[in-house]
Amino acid sequence: MSVIAAYYYNEGKRVRKIALDEHVELNEDRSGFCWIALSEPTDDELHAIQATYNLHPLAIDNAMHPLCPPKLEVYNDELYIVAQTAELVEDRISYGKIAIFTGHNHLISVRHGSAGALGNLREQLEGSPALFGKGVDYVLHAILHRIVDQYLPIFEMIEDDVLAMERRSLDDFLGREEVVHIFGLRSELTRFQRTLGAMGELVRKLVRGHFPCISAEVAPYFSDVADHVHRVQSMVDGLLQVLSTVFEASSLLEAQRIGVVTRQLAAWAAILAVPTAIAGIYGMNFKNMPELDTTYGYFVVLGLIAVFCLLLFVRFKKAKWL
């Protein structure tokens, strides 16, 4: 069933259930309003809503699309807002869309895809009639506030993963899978950053602008939503920097370890070059090599090899090549 809930409220209290095509007599003082929530509605249901509440056809066409970036449009006395929900599913951020039609006495939300934790929002608002009774603009604020609040757990889960990877990179090389994982996370966070930017711009418009469906009493509430968006944006920016730092630090540490191994191999090669060179000279098999007839020549050569190798070993040890 695509209709999640459809109720008429008066002074912050639920009065009765309503049908999508039902015309409700509403008070002019905004104390009574209709709140309809739809999920993956059919075209017939959207057109029934359009006919009942005189919604703009362009907004209805836009609400039919499963995904589109956050936006804010004004059609006559109607405020049309698209917000993006998000949740983490197996290391990937799954996005959804909520299109919100806000009039003076009605609020209609159309949900596509991920809904986050909006399921119990209506019950929480109904538990505070004094705030709920402020009208549809307060409900709009509550929906946007809940959507933005669901961004923070996504960041925290990704942050834990990144910090664990950062600790591993200091102790060992990052494998291919971990490098691919870093680039995947960076791609996800970059897209998430774009969503946050669009949501931030949407909320800032609500804070700065004067819209027909938002009263002066409720307008300051949107500043709190803007602050939450800015906070998550700052965290994501910082996490992207940490990801870049993890990759750069891992590359530098890997280069440093390779340099250490290269110096060690070069030092041992230089030490082994001494006996190799001397053995090469005496292995040329010339007939006229007088030292071959020396009684202690063999032991003298071995001693020279040992002395030269020891001197080189001490020299490389002082230079910290070994």
C-alpha atoms as a PDB file:
ATOM      1  CA  MET A   1       0.000   0.000   0.000  1.00  0.00           C
ATOM      2  CA  SER A   2       1.525   3.314  -1.063  1.00  0.00           C
ATOM      3  CA  VAL A   3      -0.470   5.408   1.437  1.00  0.00           C
ATOM      4  CA  ILE A   4       1.522   5.338   4.668  1.00  0.00           C
ATOM      5  CA  ALA A   5      -0.808   7.673   6.563  1.00  0.00           C
ATOM      6  CA  ALA A   6      -3.391  10.354   5.780  1.00  0.00           C
ATOM      7  CA  TYR A   7      -4.939  12.300   8.671  1.00  0.00           C
ATOM      8  CA  TYR A   8      -6.592  15.577   9.450  1.00  0.00           C
ATOM      9  CA  TYR A   9      -5.215  17.423  12.491  1.00  0.00           C
ATOM     10  CA  ASN A  10      -6.612  20.321  14.461  1.00  0.00           C
ATOM     11  CA  GLU A  11      -4.669  22.231  17.141  1.00  0.00           C
ATOM     12  CA  GLY A  12      -1.952  19.596  17.150  1.00  0.00           C
ATOM     13  CA  LYS A  13      -4.275  16.625  17.667  1.00  0.00           C
ATOM     14  CA  ARG A  14      -5.277  13.894  15.257  1.00  0.00           C
ATOM     15  CA  VAL A  15      -8.955  14.211  14.360  1.00  0.00           C
ATOM     16  CA  ARG A  16      -9.662  11.568  11.733  1.00  0.00           C
ATOM     17  CA  LYS A  17      -8.380   9.659   8.751  1.00  0.00           C
ATOM     18  CA  ILE A  18      -8.944  11.149   5.289  1.00  0.00           C
ATOM     19  CA  ALA A  19      -9.030   9.829   1.719  1.00  0.00           C
ATOM     20  CA  LEU A  20      -6.687  11.068  -1.011  1.00  0.00           C
ATOM     21  CA  ASP A  21      -9.516  12.591  -3.033  1.00  0.00           C
ATOM     22  CA  GLU A  22     -11.419  13.983  -0.033  1.00  0.00           C
ATOM     23  CA  HIS A  23     -11.964  17.736   0.179  1.00  0.00           C
ATOM     24  CA  VAL A  24     -11.561  18.818   3.786  1.00  0.00           C
ATOM     25  CA  GLU A  25     -12.938  22.099   5.099  1.00  0.00           C
ATOM     26  CA  LEU A  26      -9.942  23.780   6.733  1.00  0.00           C
ATOM     27  CA  ASN A  27      -9.651  26.694   9.123  1.00  0.00           C
ATOM     28  CA  GLU A  28      -8.147  29.940   7.904  1.00  0.00           C
ATOM     29  CA  ASP A  29      -6.033  30.332  11.062  1.00  0.00           C
ATOM     30  CA  ARG A  30      -3.832  27.313  10.096  1.00  0.00           C
ATOM     31  CA  SER A  31      -4.830  25.457  13.249  1.00  0.00           C
ATOM     32  CA  GLY A  32      -6.206  22.617  11.137  1.00  0.00           C
ATOM     33  CA  PHE A  33      -4.222  20.859   8.411  1.00  0.00           C
ATOM     34  CA  CYS A  34      -3.919  17.606   6.496  1.00  0.00           C
ATOM     35  CA  TRP A  35      -0.758  15.518   6.496  1.00  0.00           C
ATOM     36  CA  ILE A  36      -0.546  12.799   3.866  1.00  0.00           C
ATOM     37  CA  ALA A  37       2.462  10.484   3.496  1.00  0.00           C
ATOM     38  CA  LEU A  38       2.898   8.337   0.393  1.00  0.00           C
ATOM     39  CA  SER A  39       5.551   5.768  -0.512  1.00  0.00           C
ATOM     40  CA  GLU A  40       6.212   4.816  -4.140  1.00  0.00           C
ATOM     41  CA  PRO A  41       2.753   6.077  -5.211  1.00  0.00           C
ATOM     42  CA  THR A  42       1.131   5.234  -8.502  1.00  0.00           C
ATOM     43  CA  ASP A  43       0.391   7.854 -11.141  1.00  0.00           C
ATOM     44  CA  ASP A  44      -3.326   7.621 -10.353  1.00  0.00           C
ATOM     45  CA  GLU A  45      -2.724   8.368  -6.677  1.00  0.00           C
ATOM     46  CA  LEU A  46      -0.539  11.381  -7.479  1.00  0.00           C
ATOM     47  CA  HIS A  47      -3.098  12.730  -9.920  1.00  0.00           C
ATOM     48  CA  ALA A  48      -5.838  12.275  -7.317  1.00  0.00           C
ATOM     49  CA  ILE A  49      -3.756  14.309  -4.879  1.00  0.00           C
ATOM     50  CA  GLN A  50      -3.127  16.910  -7.581  1.00  0.00           C
ATOM     51  CA  ALA A  51      -6.818  17.344  -8.309  1.00  0.00           C
ATOM     52  CA  THR A  52      -7.779  17.533  -4.623  1.00  0.00           C
ATOM     53  CA  TYR A  53      -5.109  20.031  -3.515  1.00  0.00           C
ATOM     54  CA  ASN A  54      -4.577  21.862  -6.809  1.00  0.00           C
ATOM     55  CA  LEU A  55      -0.888  20.995  -7.010  1.00  0.00           C
ATOM     56  CA  HIS A  56       1.241  22.302  -9.868  1.00  0.00           C
ATOM     57  CA  PRO A  57       1.680  19.749 -12.701  1.00  0.00           C
ATOM     58  CA  LEU A  58       5.446  20.414 -12.948  1.00  0.00           C
ATOM     59  CA  ALA A  59       5.855  19.510  -9.288  1.00  0.00           C
ATOM     60  CA  ILE A  60       3.764  16.362  -9.773  1.00  0.00           C
ATOM     61  CA  ASP A  61       5.921  15.294 -12.743  1.00  0.00           C
ATOM     62  CA  ASN A  62       9.061  15.835 -10.687  1.00  0.00           C
ATOM     63  CA  ALA A  63       7.663  13.860  -7.748  1.00  0.00           C
ATOM     64  CA  MET A  64       7.193  10.827 -10.000  1.00  0.00           C
ATOM     65  CA  HIS A  65      10.933  10.471 -10.627  1.00  0.00           C
ATOM     66  CA  PRO A  66      12.676   8.184  -8.096  1.00  0.00           C
ATOM     67  CA  LEU A  67      15.806  10.318  -7.690  1.00  0.00           C
ATOM     68  CA  CYS A  68      16.721  13.927  -8.260  1.00  0.00           C
ATOM     69  CA  PRO A  69      18.954  16.387  -6.383  1.00  0.00           C
ATOM     70  CA  PRO A  70      17.587  18.438  -3.477  1.00  0.00           C
ATOM     71  CA  LYS A  71      15.698  21.503  -4.642  1.00  0.00           C
ATOM     72  CA  LEU A  72      13.177  24.136  -3.587  1.00  0.00           C
ATOM     73  CA  GLU A  73      10.498  25.612  -5.847  1.00  0.00           C
ATOM     74  CA  VAL A  74       7.548  27.918  -5.255  1.00  0.00           C
ATOM     75  CA  TYR A  75       4.370  27.450  -7.302  1.00  0.00           C
ATOM     76  CA  ASN A  76       1.819  30.142  -6.481  1.00  0.00           C
ATOM     77  CA  ASP A  77       1.163  29.606  -2.749  1.00  0.00           C
ATOM     78  CA  GLU A  78       2.637  26.109  -2.814  1.00  0.00           C
ATOM     79  CA  LEU A  79       6.142  25.271  -1.592  1.00  0.00           C
ATOM     80  CA  TYR A  80       7.700  22.233  -3.274  1.00  0.00           C
ATOM     81  CA  ILE A  81      10.825  20.712  -1.711  1.00  0.00           C
ATOM     82  CA  VAL A  82      12.886  17.675  -2.651  1.00  0.00           C
ATOM     83  CA  ALA A  83      15.169  16.258   0.049  1.00  0.00           C
ATOM     84  CA  GLN A  84      17.494  13.262  -0.142  1.00  0.00           C
ATOM     85  CA  THR A  85      17.555  10.559   2.503  1.00  0.00           C
ATOM     86  CA  ALA A  86      20.615   8.359   2.967  1.00  0.00           C
ATOM     87  CA  GLU A  87      21.639   5.246   4.864  1.00  0.00           C
ATOM     88  CA  LEU A  88      24.694   2.977   4.841  1.00  0.00           C
ATOM     89  CA  VAL A  89      24.128  -0.457   3.280  1.00  0.00           C
ATOM     90  CA  GLU A  90      27.155  -2.795   3.132  1.00  0.00           C
ATOM     91  CA  ASP A  91      29.794  -0.029   2.845  1.00  0.00           C
ATOM     92  CA  ARG A  92      27.735   1.854   0.277  1.00  0.00           C
ATOM     93  CA  ILE A  93      25.451   4.827   0.819  1.00  0.00           C
ATOM     94  CA  SER A  94      21.916   4.146  -0.377  1.00  0.00           C
ATOM     95  CA  TYR A  95      19.947   7.255  -1.317  1.00  0.00           C
ATOM     96  CA  GLY A  96      16.266   7.972  -1.370  1.00  0.00           C
ATOM     97  CA  LYS A  97      14.053  10.922  -2.184  1.00  0.00           C
ATOM     98  CA  ILE A  98      11.256  12.682  -0.372  1.00  0.00           C
ATOM     99  CA  ALA A  99       9.208  15.207  -2.307  1.00  0.00           C
ATOM    100  CA  ILE A 100       7.224  17.508  -0.015  1.00  0.00           C
ATOM    101  CA  PHE A 101       4.263  19.644  -1.091  1.00  0.00           C
ATOM    102  CA  THR A 102       3.564  22.283   1.525  1.00  0.00           C
ATOM    103  CA  GLY A 103       0.505  24.529   1.418  1.00  0.00           C
ATOM    104  CA  HIS A 104      -1.069  26.731   4.075  1.00  0.00           C
ATOM    105  CA  ASN A 105      -3.188  23.867   5.393  1.00  0.00           C
ATOM    106  CA  HIS A 106      -1.704  20.691   3.975  1.00  0.00           C
ATOM    107  CA  LEU A 107       1.572  18.808   3.750  1.00  0.00           C
ATOM    108  CA  ILE A 108       2.018  15.902   1.353  1.00  0.00           C
ATOM    109  CA  SER A 109       5.196  13.829   1.349  1.00  0.00           C
ATOM    110  CA  VAL A 110       6.061  11.433  -1.482  1.00  0.00           C
ATOM    111  CA  ARG A 111       8.820   8.964  -0.674  1.00  0.00           C
ATOM    112  CA  HIS A 112      11.020   7.007  -3.085  1.00  0.00           C
ATOM    113  CA  GLY A 113      13.763   4.590  -2.068  1.00  0.00           C
ATOM    114  CA  SER A 114      15.487   4.699   1.302  1.00  0.00           C
ATOM    115  CA  ALA A 115      13.353   6.272   4.021  1.00  0.00           C
ATOM    116  CA  GLY A 116      15.921   6.304   6.818  1.00  0.00           C
ATOM    117  CA  ALA A 117      14.281   6.528  10.249  1.00  0.00           C
ATOM    118  CA  LEU A 118      11.238   8.628   9.359  1.00  0.00           C
ATOM    119  CA  GLY A 119       8.809   5.887  10.346  1.00  0.00           C
ATOM    120  CA  ASN A 120       8.190   7.061  13.912  1.00  0.00           C
ATOM    121  CA  LEU A 121       8.368  10.806  13.246  1.00  0.00           C
ATOM    122  CA  ARG A 122       4.594  11.211  13.058  1.00  0.00           C
ATOM    123  CA  GLU A 123       4.102   9.486  16.430  1.00  0.00           C
ATOM    124  CA  GLN A 124       6.763  11.683  18.053  1.00  0.00           C
ATOM    125  CA  LEU A 125       5.169  14.865  16.738  1.00  0.00           C
ATOM    126  CA  GLU A 126       1.713  13.765  17.824  1.00  0.00           C
ATOM    127  CA  GLY A 127       3.155  13.358  21.316  1.00  0.00           C
ATOM    128  CA  SER A 128       3.879  17.131  21.451  1.00  0.00           C
ATOM    129  CA  PRO A 129       0.595  18.862  20.496  1.00  0.00           C
ATOM    130  CA  ALA A 130       1.918  22.303  21.484  1.00  0.00           C
ATOM    131  CA  LEU A 131       4.677  22.126  18.855  1.00  0.00           C
ATOM    132  CA  PHE A 132       2.682  20.061  16.367  1.00  0.00           C
ATOM    133  CA  GLY A 133      -0.072  22.641  16.502  1.00  0.00           C
ATOM    134  CA  LYS A 134       2.205  25.302  15.003  1.00  0.00           C
ATOM    135  CA  GLY A 135       1.186  24.024  11.589  1.00  0.00           C
ATOM    136  CA  VAL A 136       2.567  22.461   8.439  1.00  0.00           C
ATOM    137  CA  ASP A 137       5.723  24.593   8.462  1.00  0.00           C
ATOM    138  CA  TYR A 138       6.775  23.018  11.755  1.00  0.00           C
ATOM    139  CA  VAL A 139       6.087  19.553  10.295  1.00  0.00           C
ATOM    140  CA  LEU A 140       8.265  20.477   7.305  1.00  0.00           C
ATOM    141  CA  HIS A 141      11.042  21.509   9.680  1.00  0.00           C
ATOM    142  CA  ALA A 142      10.702  18.237  11.612  1.00  0.00           C
ATOM    143  CA  ILE A 143      10.979  16.139   8.436  1.00  0.00           C
ATOM    144  CA  LEU A 144      14.091  17.989   7.210  1.00  0.00           C
ATOM    145  CA  HIS A 145      15.623  17.854  10.684  1.00  0.00           C
ATOM    146  CA  ARG A 146      15.112  14.072  10.880  1.00  0.00           C
ATOM    147  CA  ILE A 147      16.574  13.547   7.394  1.00  0.00           C
ATOM    148  CA  VAL A 148      19.708  15.535   8.265  1.00  0.00           C
ATOM    149  CA  ASP A 149      20.073  13.771  11.626  1.00  0.00           C
ATOM    150  CA  GLN A 150      20.246  10.434   9.788  1.00  0.00           C
ATOM    151  CA  TYR A 151      23.359  11.627   7.940  1.00  0.00           C
ATOM    152  CA  LEU A 152      25.465  11.588  11.117  1.00  0.00           C
ATOM    153  CA  PRO A 153      25.394   7.787  11.760  1.00  0.00           C
ATOM    154  CA  ILE A 154      26.584   7.249   8.176  1.00  0.00           C
ATOM    155  CA  PHE A 155      29.590   9.468   8.816  1.00  0.00           C
ATOM    156  CA  GLU A 156      30.354   7.810  12.160  1.00  0.00           C
ATOM    157  CA  MET A 157      30.322   4.286  10.693  1.00  0.00           C
ATOM    158  CA  ILE A 158      32.587   5.289   7.804  1.00  0.00           C
ATOM    159  CA  GLU A 159      34.841   7.205  10.203  1.00  0.00           C
ATOM    160  CA  ASP A 160      35.401   4.073  12.346  1.00  0.00           C
ATOM    161  CA  ASP A 161      36.370   2.131   9.222  1.00  0.00           C
ATOM    162  CA  VAL A 162      38.772   4.837   8.034  1.00  0.00           C
ATOM    163  CA  LEU A 163      40.476   5.229  11.421  1.00  0.00           C
ATOM    164  CA  ALA A 164      40.985   1.458  11.676  1.00  0.00           C
ATOM    165  CA  MET A 165      42.517   1.505   8.203  1.00  0.00           C
ATOM    166  CA  GLU A 166      44.744   4.417   9.234  1.00  0.00           C
ATOM    167  CA  ARG A 167      46.115   2.414  12.172  1.00  0.00           C
ATOM    168  CA  ARG A 168      46.784  -0.609   9.943  1.00  0.00           C
ATOM    169  CA  SER A 169      48.612   1.506   7.365  1.00  0.00           C
ATOM    170  CA  LEU A 170      51.187   2.527   9.988  1.00  0.00           C
ATOM    171  CA  ASP A 171      52.063  -1.101  10.769  1.00  0.00           C
ATOM    172  CA  ASP A 172      51.938  -2.814   7.408  1.00  0.00           C
ATOM    173  CA  PHE A 173      51.584  -2.292   3.679  1.00  0.00           C
ATOM    174  CA  LEU A 174      48.088  -1.634   2.393  1.00  0.00           C
ATOM    175  CA  GLY A 175      47.023  -4.464   0.133  1.00  0.00           C
ATOM    176  CA  ARG A 176      45.196  -4.141  -3.151  1.00  0.00           C
ATOM    177  CA  GLU A 177      41.806  -4.716  -1.515  1.00  0.00           C
ATOM    178  CA  GLU A 178      42.426  -1.977   1.042  1.00  0.00           C
ATOM    179  CA  VAL A 179      43.568   0.486  -1.638  1.00  0.00           C
ATOM    180  CA  VAL A 180      40.420  -0.291  -3.669  1.00  0.00           C
ATOM    181  CA  HIS A 181      38.392   0.160  -0.480  1.00  0.00           C
ATOM    182  CA  ILE A 182      39.960   3.596   0.090  1.00  0.00           C
ATOM    183  CA  PHE A 183      39.056   4.757  -3.403  1.00  0.00           C
ATOM    184  CA  GLY A 184      35.536   3.338  -2.999  1.00  0.00           C
ATOM    185  CA  LEU A 185      35.038   5.214   0.273  1.00  0.00           C
ATOM    186  CA  ARG A 186      36.381   8.406  -1.259  1.00  0.00           C
ATOM    187  CA  SER A 187      33.949   8.054  -4.161  1.00  0.00           C
ATOM    188  CA  GLU A 188      31.030   7.484  -1.762  1.00  0.00           C
ATOM    189  CA  LEU A 189      32.014  10.448   0.435  1.00  0.00           C
ATOM    190  CA  THR A 190      32.469  12.734  -2.575  1.00  0.00           C
ATOM    191  CA  ARG A 191      28.946  11.954  -3.744  1.00  0.00           C
ATOM    192  CA  PHE A 192      27.671  12.361  -0.185  1.00  0.00           C
ATOM    193  CA  GLN A 193      29.446  15.726  -0.051  1.00  0.00           C
ATOM    194  CA  ARG A 194      27.524  16.879  -3.125  1.00  0.00           C
ATOM    195  CA  THR A 195      24.256  15.814  -1.502  1.00  0.00           C
ATOM    196  CA  LEU A 196      25.154  17.726   1.668  1.00  0.00           C
ATOM    197  CA  GLY A 197      25.998  20.810  -0.351  1.00  0.00           C
ATOM    198  CA  ALA A 198      22.625  20.749  -2.109  1.00  0.00           C
ATOM    199  CA  MET A 199      20.772  20.098   1.172  1.00  0.00           C
ATOM    200  CA  GLY A 200      22.686  22.913   2.853  1.00  0.00           C
ATOM    201  CA  GLU A 201      21.742  25.342   0.083  1.00  0.00           C
ATOM    202  CA  LEU A 202      18.090  24.246   0.321  1.00  0.00           C
ATOM    203  CA  VAL A 203      17.937  24.854   4.090  1.00  0.00           C
ATOM    204  CA  ARG A 204      19.778  28.181   3.812  1.00  0.00           C
ATOM    205  CA  LYS A 205      17.118  29.343   1.358  1.00  0.00           C
ATOM    206  CA  LEU A 206      14.448  28.474   3.907  1.00  0.00           C
ATOM    207  CA  VAL A 207      16.367  30.438   6.559  1.00  0.00           C
ATOM    208  CA  ARG A 208      16.981  33.531   4.426  1.00  0.00           C
ATOM    209  CA  GLY A 209      13.855  33.617   2.282  1.00  0.00           C
ATOM    210  CA  HIS A 210      10.254  34.595   2.881  1.00  0.00           C
ATOM    211  CA  PHE A 211       7.896  31.888   1.712  1.00  0.00           C
ATOM    212  CA  PRO A 212       4.096  31.891   1.756  1.00  0.00           C
ATOM    213  CA  CYS A 213       3.778  28.685   3.775  1.00  0.00           C
ATOM    214  CA  ILE A 214       6.361  29.433   6.468  1.00  0.00           C
ATOM    215  CA  SER A 215       5.432  31.693   9.368  1.00  0.00           C
ATOM    216  CA  ALA A 216       7.842  34.066  11.103  1.00  0.00           C
ATOM    217  CA  GLU A 217       7.437  32.025  14.293  1.00  0.00           C
ATOM    218  CA  VAL A 218       8.698  28.786  12.728  1.00  0.00           C
ATOM    219  CA  ALA A 219      11.350  30.236  10.371  1.00  0.00           C
ATOM    220  CA  PRO A 220      14.114  30.295  13.053  1.00  0.00           C
ATOM    221  CA  TYR A 221      13.758  26.530  13.514  1.00  0.00           C
ATOM    222  CA  PHE A 222      15.332  25.998  10.087  1.00  0.00           C
ATOM    223  CA  SER A 223      18.548  27.638  11.323  1.00  0.00           C
ATOM    224  CA  ASP A 224      19.069  24.622  13.564  1.00  0.00           C
ATOM    225  CA  VAL A 225      18.721  22.313  10.566  1.00  0.00           C
ATOM    226  CA  ALA A 226      21.263  24.445   8.667  1.00  0.00           C
ATOM    227  CA  ASP A 227      23.702  24.134  11.577  1.00  0.00           C
ATOM    228  CA  HIS A 228      23.354  20.340  11.532  1.00  0.00           C
ATOM    229  CA  VAL A 229      24.024  20.222   7.790  1.00  0.00           C
ATOM    230  CA  HIS A 230      27.097  22.433   8.216  1.00  0.00           C
ATOM    231  CA  ARG A 231      28.362  20.190  11.026  1.00  0.00           C
ATOM    232  CA  VAL A 232      28.079  17.029   8.929  1.00  0.00           C
ATOM    233  CA  GLN A 233      29.668  18.818   5.954  1.00  0.00           C
ATOM    234  CA  SER A 234      32.682  19.769   8.081  1.00  0.00           C
ATOM    235  CA  MET A 235      33.014  16.180   9.314  1.00  0.00           C
ATOM    236  CA  VAL A 236      32.868  14.750   5.797  1.00  0.00           C
ATOM    237  CA  ASP A 237      35.458  17.267   4.567  1.00  0.00           C
ATOM    238  CA  GLY A 238      37.740  16.220   7.410  1.00  0.00           C
ATOM    239  CA  LEU A 239      37.201  12.532   6.685  1.00  0.00           C
ATOM    240  CA  LEU A 240      38.073  13.015   3.011  1.00  0.00           C
ATOM    241  CA  GLN A 241      41.321  14.642   4.123  1.00  0.00           C
ATOM    242  CA  VAL A 242      42.022  11.693   6.440  1.00  0.00           C
ATOM    243  CA  LEU A 243      41.459   9.265   3.548  1.00  0.00           C
ATOM    244  CA  SER A 244      43.919  11.194   1.388  1.00  0.00           C
ATOM    245  CA  THR A 245      46.375  11.267   4.288  1.00  0.00           C
ATOM    246  CA  VAL A 246      46.041   7.503   4.837  1.00  0.00           C
ATOM    247  CA  PHE A 247      46.829   6.814   1.194  1.00  0.00           C
ATOM    248  CA  GLU A 248      49.730   9.294   1.084  1.00  0.00           C
ATOM    249  CA  ALA A 249      51.163   8.064   4.393  1.00  0.00           C
ATOM    250  CA  SER A 250      50.931   4.460   3.237  1.00  0.00           C
ATOM    251  CA  SER A 251      52.709   5.344  -0.010  1.00  0.00           C
ATOM    252  CA  LEU A 252      55.437   7.236   1.860  1.00  0.00           C
ATOM    253  CA  LEU A 253      55.921   4.424   4.377  1.00  0.00           C
ATOM    254  CA  GLU A 254      56.084   1.881   1.581  1.00  0.00           C
ATOM    255  CA  ALA A 255      58.675   3.987  -0.247  1.00  0.00           C
ATOM    256  CA  GLN A 256      60.639   4.348   2.996  1.00  0.00           C
ATOM    257  CA  ARG A 257      60.583   0.587   3.620  1.00  0.00           C
ATOM    258  CA  ILE A 258      61.692  -0.082   0.054  1.00  0.00           C
ATOM    259  CA  GLY A 259      64.508   2.429   0.533  1.00  0.00           C
ATOM    260  CA  VAL A 260      65.663   0.646   3.700  1.00  0.00           C
ATOM    261  CA  VAL A 261      65.686  -2.736   1.949  1.00  0.00           C
ATOM    262  CA  THR A 262      67.495  -1.226  -1.057  1.00  0.00           C
ATOM    263  CA  ARG A 263      70.221   0.247   1.183  1.00  0.00           C
ATOM    264  CA  GLN A 264      70.637  -3.064   3.022  1.00  0.00           C
ATOM    265  CA  LEU A 265      70.979  -4.987  -0.237  1.00  0.00           C
ATOM    266  CA  ALA A 266      73.460  -2.414  -1.572  1.00  0.00           C
ATOM    267  CA  ALA A 267      75.555  -2.646   1.616  1.00  0.00           C
ATOM    268  CA  TRP A 268      75.705  -6.440   1.550  1.00  0.00           C
ATOM    269  CA  ALA A 269      76.485  -6.362  -2.179  1.00  0.00           C
ATOM    270  CA  ALA A 270      79.420  -4.012  -1.490  1.00  0.00           C
ATOM    271  CA  ILE A 271      80.708  -6.282   1.309  1.00  0.00           C
ATOM    272  CA  LEU A 272      80.414  -9.406  -0.850  1.00  0.00           C
ATOM    273  CA  ALA A 273      82.158  -7.619  -3.730  1.00  0.00           C
ATOM    274  CA  VAL A 274      85.494  -7.837  -1.831  1.00  0.00           C
ATOM    275  CA  PRO A 275      85.800 -11.645  -1.703  1.00  0.00           C
ATOM    276  CA  THR A 276      84.223 -11.871  -5.145  1.00  0.00           C
ATOM    277  CA  ALA A 277      86.890  -9.579  -6.672  1.00  0.00           C
ATOM    278  CA  ILE A 278      89.809 -11.306  -4.940  1.00  0.00           C
ATOM    279  CA  ALA A 279      88.481 -14.768  -5.800  1.00  0.00           C
ATOM    280  CA  GLY A 280      88.049 -13.593  -9.385  1.00  0.00           C
ATOM    281  CA  ILE A 281      91.701 -12.534  -9.604  1.00  0.00           C
ATOM    282  CA  TYR A 282      93.007 -15.863  -8.320  1.00  0.00           C
ATOM    283  CA  GLY A 283      90.618 -17.751 -10.515  1.00  0.00           C
ATOM    284  CA  MET A 284      92.145 -16.491 -13.777  1.00  0.00           C
ATOM    285  CA  ASN A 285      94.559 -19.503 -13.920  1.00  0.00           C
ATOM    286  CA  PHE A 286      97.635 -17.675 -15.258  1.00  0.00           C
ATOM    287  CA  LYS A 287     100.843 -19.692 -15.042  1.00  0.00           C
ATOM    288  CA  ASN A 288     102.999 -16.804 -13.770  1.00  0.00           C
ATOM    289  CA  MET A 289     101.308 -15.994 -10.421  1.00  0.00           C
ATOM    290  CA  PRO A 290     104.239 -16.051  -7.911  1.00  0.00           C
ATOM    291  CA  GLU A 291     102.023 -15.687  -4.831  1.00  0.00           C
ATOM    292  CA  LEU A 292     100.565 -19.080  -5.549  1.00  0.00           C
ATOM    293  CA  ASP A 293     103.819 -20.580  -4.330  1.00  0.00           C
ATOM    294  CA  THR A 294     103.821 -18.618  -1.048  1.00  0.00           C
ATOM    295  CA  THR A 295     103.486 -20.885   1.955  1.00  0.00           C
ATOM    296  CA  TYR A 296     101.012 -18.738   3.884  1.00  0.00           C
ATOM    297  CA  GLY A 297      99.469 -16.898   0.926  1.00  0.00           C
ATOM    298  CA  TYR A 298      96.101 -18.621   1.294  1.00  0.00           C
ATOM    299  CA  PHE A 299      95.721 -17.568   4.915  1.00  0.00           C
ATOM    300  CA  VAL A 300      96.945 -14.023   4.216  1.00  0.00           C
ATOM    301  CA  VAL A 301      94.330 -13.565   1.480  1.00  0.00           C
ATOM    302  CA  LEU A 302      91.581 -14.913   3.701  1.00  0.00           C
ATOM    303  CA  GLY A 303      92.677 -12.516   6.439  1.00  0.00           C
ATOM    304  CA  LEU A 304      92.627  -9.542   4.038  1.00  0.00           C
ATOM    305  CA  ILE A 305      89.154 -10.533   2.857  1.00  0.00           C
ATOM    306  CA  ALA A 306      87.923 -10.724   6.461  1.00  0.00           C
ATOM    307  CA  VAL A 307      89.480  -7.354   7.406  1.00  0.00           C
ATOM    308  CA  PHE A 308      88.064  -5.514   4.385  1.00  0.00           C
ATOM    309  CA  CYS A 309      84.615  -7.075   4.898  1.00  0.00           C
ATOM    310  CA  LEU A 310      84.643  -6.155   8.583  1.00  0.00           C
ATOM    311  CA  LEU A 311      85.671  -2.548   7.839  1.00  0.00           C
ATOM    312  CA  LEU A 312      82.867  -2.210   5.312  1.00  0.00           C
ATOM    313  CA  PHE A 313      80.374  -3.766   7.735  1.00  0.00           C
ATOM    314  CA  VAL A 314      81.337  -1.275  10.481  1.00  0.00           C
ATOM    315  CA  ARG A 315      81.149   1.626   8.027  1.00  0.00           C
ATOM    316  CA  PHE A 316      77.673   0.684   6.787  1.00  0.00           C
ATOM    317  CA  LYS A 317      76.537   0.029  10.358  1.00  0.00           C
ATOM    318  CA  LYS A 318      77.551   3.571  11.390  1.00  0.00           C
ATOM    319  CA  ALA A 319      75.743   4.952   8.339  1.00  0.00           C
ATOM    320  CA  LYS A 320      72.645   2.941   9.436  1.00  0.00           C
ATOM    321  CA  TRP A 321      72.518   1.061   6.186  1.00  0.00           C
ATOM    322  CA  LEU A 322      72.593  -2.207   8.111  1.00  0.00           C
END
